[in-house]
């Protein structure tokens, strides 16, 4: 495997994950929220550059979370995935420098955005996210389920912050066209629920993969506490919950989900998810959970396909 400082930097900030975060916000905003506002001539708060600033803030927060997490996970990664943590190659001081830059840069951009939008309430988002992610990496991830819950909540908040930023415009939309406004909100919330439960499932699968290292350093994850069999059954239950989240708009007859391209995308996601659930039930070894974790990441990416067909 070829290693270089640039490649290691991309690994430590999880560049593919950052691109998915950016794509999520682009699709939710430009495929769901903005078209609904434009349909009723409601002025949006986020211009192109303001949306870009919001996206940069989200990426900075996400990158800082990855950086501090890798800094604190050097020991456990050497047990679970030897040689994969880029901190050992880049050096802890270099990664700390990246971390400081991401924090300072994110805070300055969030400050600029809050004043440009004249929404002072947005000023608390960056400090709160930073504090929570720092506590997660140092304390909360050691608490059974709570660490997984925080990661899943953050993933759901990636599209959710757009609703917060456009809350005044969405309130106006609800007054002008209650049906369109309600549909816009419930589709956005449904996608947040999908992101939350699917991420919770992937985090549990990752804990099953990392049970050896977590047990050795004293982390009390669900697989360590409940055992592999019980945790695997819980993962199956979470998989069924994701299944329900995908099917619910079809059962409820939401028009946006009834178009043929959307139905095809939903069908492919369902088939993939059923296969993943079956594989979870059959998984035995670390390599099985590693493969499932990768498949779940691709499944989450595939979920963005739903937004393309709105």
Protein backbone atom coordinates (compact mmCIF):
# COMPACT_ATOMS: atom_id res chain seq x y z
CA UNK A 1 0.00 0.00 0.00
CA UNK A 2 1.41 3.39 -1.07
CA UNK A 3 1.60 5.91 1.75
CA UNK A 4 2.25 9.64 1.51
CA UNK A 5 1.48 12.62 3.74
CA UNK A 6 -1.30 13.74 1.37
CA UNK A 7 -2.92 10.30 1.26
CA UNK A 8 -2.62 9.99 5.03
CA UNK A 9 -4.22 13.42 5.43
CA UNK A 10 -7.16 12.35 3.26
CA UNK A 11 -7.46 9.21 5.38
CA UNK A 12 -7.37 10.99 8.71
CA UNK A 13 -10.13 13.44 7.69
CA UNK A 14 -12.10 10.64 5.91
CA UNK A 15 -12.32 12.49 2.57
CA UNK A 16 -14.92 10.09 1.06
CA UNK A 17 -17.13 10.56 4.14
CA UNK A 18 -16.78 14.34 3.90
CA UNK A 19 -17.84 14.21 0.24
CA UNK A 20 -20.92 12.18 1.24
CA UNK A 21 -21.78 14.78 3.92
CA UNK A 22 -21.51 17.57 1.36
CA UNK A 23 -23.56 15.61 -1.19
CA UNK A 24 -26.25 14.95 1.43
CA UNK A 25 -26.67 18.64 2.16
CA UNK A 26 -26.64 19.55 -1.54
CA UNK A 27 -29.34 17.01 -2.40
CA UNK A 28 -31.59 17.74 0.59
CA UNK A 29 -31.42 21.47 -0.02
CA UNK A 30 -31.57 21.63 -3.82
CA UNK A 31 -33.91 18.68 -4.37
CA UNK A 32 -36.34 19.03 -1.45
CA UNK A 33 -36.27 22.37 0.39
CA UNK A 34 -35.41 24.93 -2.28
CA UNK A 35 -37.86 23.68 -4.99
CA UNK A 36 -40.69 23.79 -2.42
CA UNK A 37 -39.84 27.36 -1.44
CA UNK A 38 -39.52 28.42 -5.08
CA UNK A 39 -42.91 26.90 -5.94
CA UNK A 40 -44.61 29.44 -3.63
CA UNK A 41 -42.14 32.29 -4.25
CA UNK A 42 -40.87 32.15 -0.68
CA UNK A 43 -37.48 33.84 -0.30
CA UNK A 44 -34.80 31.44 0.90
CA UNK A 45 -32.26 32.51 3.50
CA UNK A 46 -29.39 30.50 2.05
CA UNK A 47 -27.98 32.00 -1.12
CA UNK A 48 -25.40 29.97 -3.03
CA UNK A 49 -22.51 31.39 -1.01
CA UNK A 50 -24.31 31.17 2.32
CA UNK A 51 -25.19 27.55 1.61
CA UNK A 52 -21.53 26.94 0.77
CA UNK A 53 -20.51 28.49 4.08
CA UNK A 54 -22.97 26.27 5.96
CA UNK A 55 -21.62 23.23 4.15
CA UNK A 56 -18.04 24.23 5.03
CA UNK A 57 -18.99 24.56 8.71
CA UNK A 58 -20.55 21.08 8.65
CA UNK A 59 -17.46 19.62 6.99
CA UNK A 60 -15.14 21.33 9.47
CA UNK A 61 -17.12 19.95 12.42
CA UNK A 62 -17.13 16.47 10.87
CA UNK A 63 -13.40 16.56 10.08
CA UNK A 64 -12.55 17.72 13.61
CA UNK A 65 -14.53 14.79 14.98
CA UNK A 66 -12.59 12.32 12.84
CA UNK A 67 -9.27 13.90 13.82
CA UNK A 68 -9.80 13.82 17.58
CA UNK A 69 -11.25 10.32 17.31
CA UNK A 70 -8.17 8.99 15.50
CA UNK A 71 -5.89 10.71 18.00
CA UNK A 72 -7.59 8.92 20.87
CA UNK A 73 -8.00 5.58 19.06
CA UNK A 74 -4.35 4.88 18.19
CA UNK A 75 -4.08 2.11 20.77
CA UNK A 76 -7.35 0.33 20.00
CA UNK A 77 -6.78 0.62 16.24
CA UNK A 78 -3.43 -1.14 16.62
CA UNK A 79 -5.35 -4.06 18.11
CA UNK A 80 -8.34 -4.08 15.76
CA UNK A 81 -6.78 -2.77 12.52
CA UNK A 82 -2.97 -2.69 12.79
CA UNK A 83 -1.31 -0.06 10.62
CA UNK A 84 -4.52 1.62 9.48
CA UNK A 85 -4.56 4.65 11.79
CA UNK A 86 -2.73 7.44 9.91
CA UNK A 87 -1.82 9.27 13.15
CA UNK A 88 1.16 6.99 13.64
CA UNK A 89 2.56 8.03 10.24
CA UNK A 90 1.61 11.70 10.24
CA UNK A 91 2.55 12.17 13.90
CA UNK A 92 0.27 13.26 16.71
CA UNK A 93 1.56 16.86 16.60
CA UNK A 94 0.72 17.20 12.90
CA UNK A 95 -2.79 15.78 13.43
CA UNK A 96 -3.29 18.14 16.39
CA UNK A 97 -2.34 21.01 14.09
CA UNK A 98 -4.95 19.86 11.54
CA UNK A 99 -7.44 19.63 14.39
CA UNK A 100 -6.72 23.17 15.56
CA UNK A 101 -7.05 24.52 12.01
CA UNK A 102 -10.39 22.76 11.49
CA UNK A 103 -11.70 24.14 14.79
CA UNK A 104 -10.57 27.70 14.17
CA UNK A 105 -11.64 27.68 10.53
CA UNK A 106 -15.04 26.18 11.32
CA UNK A 107 -15.70 28.63 14.14
CA UNK A 108 -14.78 31.66 12.01
CA UNK A 109 -16.96 30.53 9.09
CA UNK A 110 -19.88 29.74 11.44
CA UNK A 111 -19.49 33.19 13.00
CA UNK A 112 -19.53 34.82 9.56
CA UNK A 113 -22.58 32.80 8.50
CA UNK A 114 -24.58 33.58 11.64
CA UNK A 115 -24.10 37.32 11.18
CA UNK A 116 -24.68 37.22 7.41
CA UNK A 117 -27.94 35.37 7.98
CA UNK A 118 -28.77 37.61 10.94
CA UNK A 119 -29.51 34.46 12.92
CA UNK A 120 -27.54 34.75 16.15
CA UNK A 121 -29.10 31.49 17.33
CA UNK A 122 -26.85 29.66 14.86
CA UNK A 123 -23.79 30.77 16.82
CA UNK A 124 -24.25 27.97 19.37
CA UNK A 125 -24.23 25.16 16.79
CA UNK A 126 -20.47 24.97 16.26
CA UNK A 127 -19.43 25.13 19.96
CA UNK A 128 -22.07 22.57 20.97
CA UNK A 129 -21.12 20.19 18.13
CA UNK A 130 -17.43 20.56 18.98
CA UNK A 131 -18.00 19.89 22.69
CA UNK A 132 -20.22 16.87 22.02
CA UNK A 133 -17.79 15.31 19.53
CA UNK A 134 -14.86 15.90 21.88
CA UNK A 135 -16.76 14.32 24.78
CA UNK A 136 -17.73 11.46 22.48
CA UNK A 137 -14.15 10.63 21.58
CA UNK A 138 -12.88 10.89 25.16
CA UNK A 139 -15.76 9.74 27.38
CA UNK A 140 -19.12 9.07 25.77
CA UNK A 141 -18.04 6.35 23.34
CA UNK A 142 -17.12 4.25 26.37
CA UNK A 143 -20.73 4.35 27.58
CA UNK A 144 -22.88 1.55 26.15
CA UNK A 145 -25.14 2.72 23.31
CA UNK A 146 -24.73 6.43 24.12
CA UNK A 147 -21.70 6.83 21.85
CA UNK A 148 -23.52 5.11 18.97
CA UNK A 149 -26.58 7.26 19.62
CA UNK A 150 -24.52 10.46 19.38
CA UNK A 151 -22.92 9.46 16.07
CA UNK A 152 -26.33 8.55 14.62
CA UNK A 153 -27.82 11.83 15.88
CA UNK A 154 -25.01 13.79 14.25
CA UNK A 155 -25.62 12.03 10.91
CA UNK A 156 -29.31 12.88 11.15
CA UNK A 157 -28.42 16.50 11.98
CA UNK A 158 -26.45 16.91 8.73
CA UNK A 159 -29.70 17.48 6.76
CA UNK A 160 -31.49 18.74 9.88
CA UNK A 161 -29.33 21.87 10.12
CA UNK A 162 -30.75 22.97 6.77
CA UNK A 163 -34.25 22.97 8.26
CA UNK A 164 -32.96 25.06 11.15
CA UNK A 165 -31.30 27.57 8.82
CA UNK A 166 -34.44 27.88 6.67
CA UNK A 167 -36.95 27.68 9.52
CA UNK A 168 -38.40 31.14 8.86
CA UNK A 169 -38.88 30.43 5.16
CA UNK A 170 -40.42 27.02 5.92
CA UNK A 171 -42.84 28.62 8.39
CA UNK A 172 -43.89 31.05 5.67
CA UNK A 173 -44.31 28.14 3.26
CA UNK A 174 -46.57 26.37 5.77
CA UNK A 175 -48.77 29.47 5.91
CA UNK A 176 -48.95 29.88 2.12
CA UNK A 177 -49.33 26.22 1.22
CA UNK A 178 -49.84 23.96 4.26
CA UNK A 179 -49.84 20.76 2.22
CA UNK A 180 -46.60 21.52 0.37
CA UNK A 181 -44.96 22.76 3.55
CA UNK A 182 -45.97 19.65 5.50
CA UNK A 183 -44.78 17.36 2.70
CA UNK A 184 -41.42 19.14 2.56
CA UNK A 185 -40.90 18.81 6.30
CA UNK A 186 -41.99 15.19 6.59
CA UNK A 187 -39.80 14.09 3.65
CA UNK A 188 -36.83 15.89 5.24
CA UNK A 189 -37.59 14.35 8.64
CA UNK A 190 -38.04 10.89 7.07
CA UNK A 191 -34.59 11.15 5.54
CA UNK A 192 -33.20 12.18 8.94
CA UNK A 193 -34.84 9.12 10.52
CA UNK A 194 -33.39 6.90 7.80
CA UNK A 195 -29.90 8.36 8.37
CA UNK A 196 -30.26 7.96 12.15
CA UNK A 197 -31.39 4.31 12.24
CA UNK A 198 -29.09 3.16 9.41
CA UNK A 199 -26.10 4.82 11.08
CA UNK A 200 -27.06 3.25 14.41
CA UNK A 201 -27.05 -0.13 12.68
CA UNK A 202 -23.64 0.46 11.12
CA UNK A 203 -22.15 1.63 14.42
CA UNK A 204 -23.35 -1.56 16.10
CA UNK A 205 -21.84 -3.68 13.32
CA UNK A 206 -18.55 -1.77 13.71
CA UNK A 207 -18.64 -2.50 17.46
CA UNK A 208 -19.10 -6.19 16.66
CA UNK A 209 -16.07 -5.98 14.37
CA UNK A 210 -13.98 -4.22 17.03
CA UNK A 211 -15.05 -6.26 20.05
CA UNK A 212 -11.58 -7.68 20.71
CA UNK A 213 -9.83 -4.31 20.97
CA UNK A 214 -12.71 -2.71 22.87
CA UNK A 215 -12.65 -5.54 25.41
CA UNK A 216 -8.88 -5.27 25.87
CA UNK A 217 -8.88 -1.53 26.61
CA UNK A 218 -12.00 -1.70 28.77
CA UNK A 219 -14.62 -0.10 26.54
CA UNK A 220 -18.13 -1.14 27.53
CA UNK A 221 -19.76 -1.35 24.10
CA UNK A 222 -22.98 -3.29 23.60
CA UNK A 223 -21.24 -6.37 22.14
CA UNK A 224 -18.86 -6.41 25.12
CA UNK A 225 -21.74 -6.15 27.59
CA UNK A 226 -24.46 -8.18 25.86
CA UNK A 227 -22.34 -10.63 23.93
CA UNK A 228 -22.11 -11.21 20.20
CA UNK A 229 -25.33 -13.21 19.78
CA UNK A 230 -27.58 -10.68 21.54
CA UNK A 231 -25.91 -7.77 19.73
CA UNK A 232 -26.37 -9.53 16.41
CA UNK A 233 -30.09 -9.96 17.15
CA UNK A 234 -30.32 -6.27 18.04
CA UNK A 235 -28.64 -5.43 14.72
CA UNK A 236 -31.29 -7.47 12.90
CA UNK A 237 -34.02 -5.50 14.74
CA UNK A 238 -32.38 -2.21 13.68
CA UNK A 239 -32.21 -3.51 10.12
CA UNK A 240 -35.96 -4.17 10.19
CA UNK A 241 -36.49 -0.62 11.50
CA UNK A 242 -34.55 0.75 8.52
CA UNK A 243 -36.73 -1.43 6.30
CA UNK A 244 -39.86 0.12 7.82
CA UNK A 245 -38.46 3.63 7.37
CA UNK A 246 -37.94 2.98 3.66
CA UNK A 247 -41.35 1.39 3.15
CA UNK A 248 -43.41 3.82 5.25
CA UNK A 249 -43.84 6.56 2.58
CA UNK A 250 -44.97 3.90 0.09
CA UNK A 251 -47.52 2.46 2.51
CA UNK A 252 -48.70 6.00 3.33
CA UNK A 253 -49.05 6.78 -0.36
CA UNK A 254 -46.85 9.85 -0.47
CA UNK A 255 -46.97 11.03 -4.14
CA UNK A 256 -43.26 11.88 -4.29
CA UNK A 257 -42.44 8.21 -3.72
CA UNK A 258 -44.84 6.76 -6.29
CA UNK A 259 -42.96 7.58 -9.49
CA UNK A 260 -41.42 4.58 -11.34
CA UNK A 261 -37.75 5.69 -10.95
CA UNK A 262 -38.32 6.23 -7.22
CA UNK A 263 -40.02 2.84 -6.87
CA UNK A 264 -37.09 1.15 -8.63
CA UNK A 265 -34.62 2.86 -6.27
CA UNK A 266 -36.70 1.84 -3.25
CA UNK A 267 -36.87 -1.73 -4.54
CA UNK A 268 -33.08 -1.93 -4.95
CA UNK A 269 -32.54 -0.52 -1.47
CA UNK A 270 -34.97 -3.04 0.02
CA UNK A 271 -33.31 -5.99 -1.72
CA UNK A 272 -29.90 -4.78 -0.56
CA UNK A 273 -31.12 -4.30 3.00
CA UNK A 274 -32.77 -7.73 3.17
CA UNK A 275 -29.49 -9.27 1.99
CA UNK A 276 -27.57 -7.29 4.65
CA UNK A 277 -29.97 -8.41 7.39
CA UNK A 278 -29.54 -12.04 6.35
CA UNK A 279 -25.75 -11.62 6.38
CA UNK A 280 -25.88 -10.05 9.85
CA UNK A 281 -27.81 -13.06 11.13
CA UNK A 282 -25.18 -15.38 9.64
CA UNK A 283 -22.04 -13.37 10.55
CA UNK A 284 -19.50 -15.18 12.69
CA UNK A 285 -16.02 -13.73 12.21
CA UNK A 286 -14.42 -10.28 12.30
CA UNK A 287 -14.04 -10.31 8.52
CA UNK A 288 -17.82 -10.79 8.16
CA UNK A 289 -18.56 -7.68 10.23
CA UNK A 290 -15.93 -5.67 8.38
CA UNK A 291 -17.56 -6.59 5.07
CA UNK A 292 -20.99 -5.74 6.44
CA UNK A 293 -19.76 -2.37 7.69
CA UNK A 294 -18.54 -1.55 4.19
CA UNK A 295 -21.81 -2.71 2.64
CA UNK A 296 -23.79 -0.56 5.07
CA UNK A 297 -21.70 2.48 4.14
CA UNK A 298 -22.54 1.85 0.48
CA UNK A 299 -26.18 1.31 1.44
CA UNK A 300 -26.26 4.72 3.14
CA UNK A 301 -24.75 6.24 0.02
CA UNK A 302 -27.39 4.47 -2.06
CA UNK A 303 -30.06 6.07 0.13
CA UNK A 304 -29.03 9.41 -1.33
CA UNK A 305 -30.32 8.06 -4.65
CA UNK A 306 -33.83 8.60 -3.33
CA UNK A 307 -33.19 12.34 -3.28
CA UNK A 308 -32.13 12.38 -6.93
CA UNK A 309 -35.56 11.26 -8.11
CA UNK A 310 -37.68 13.85 -6.28
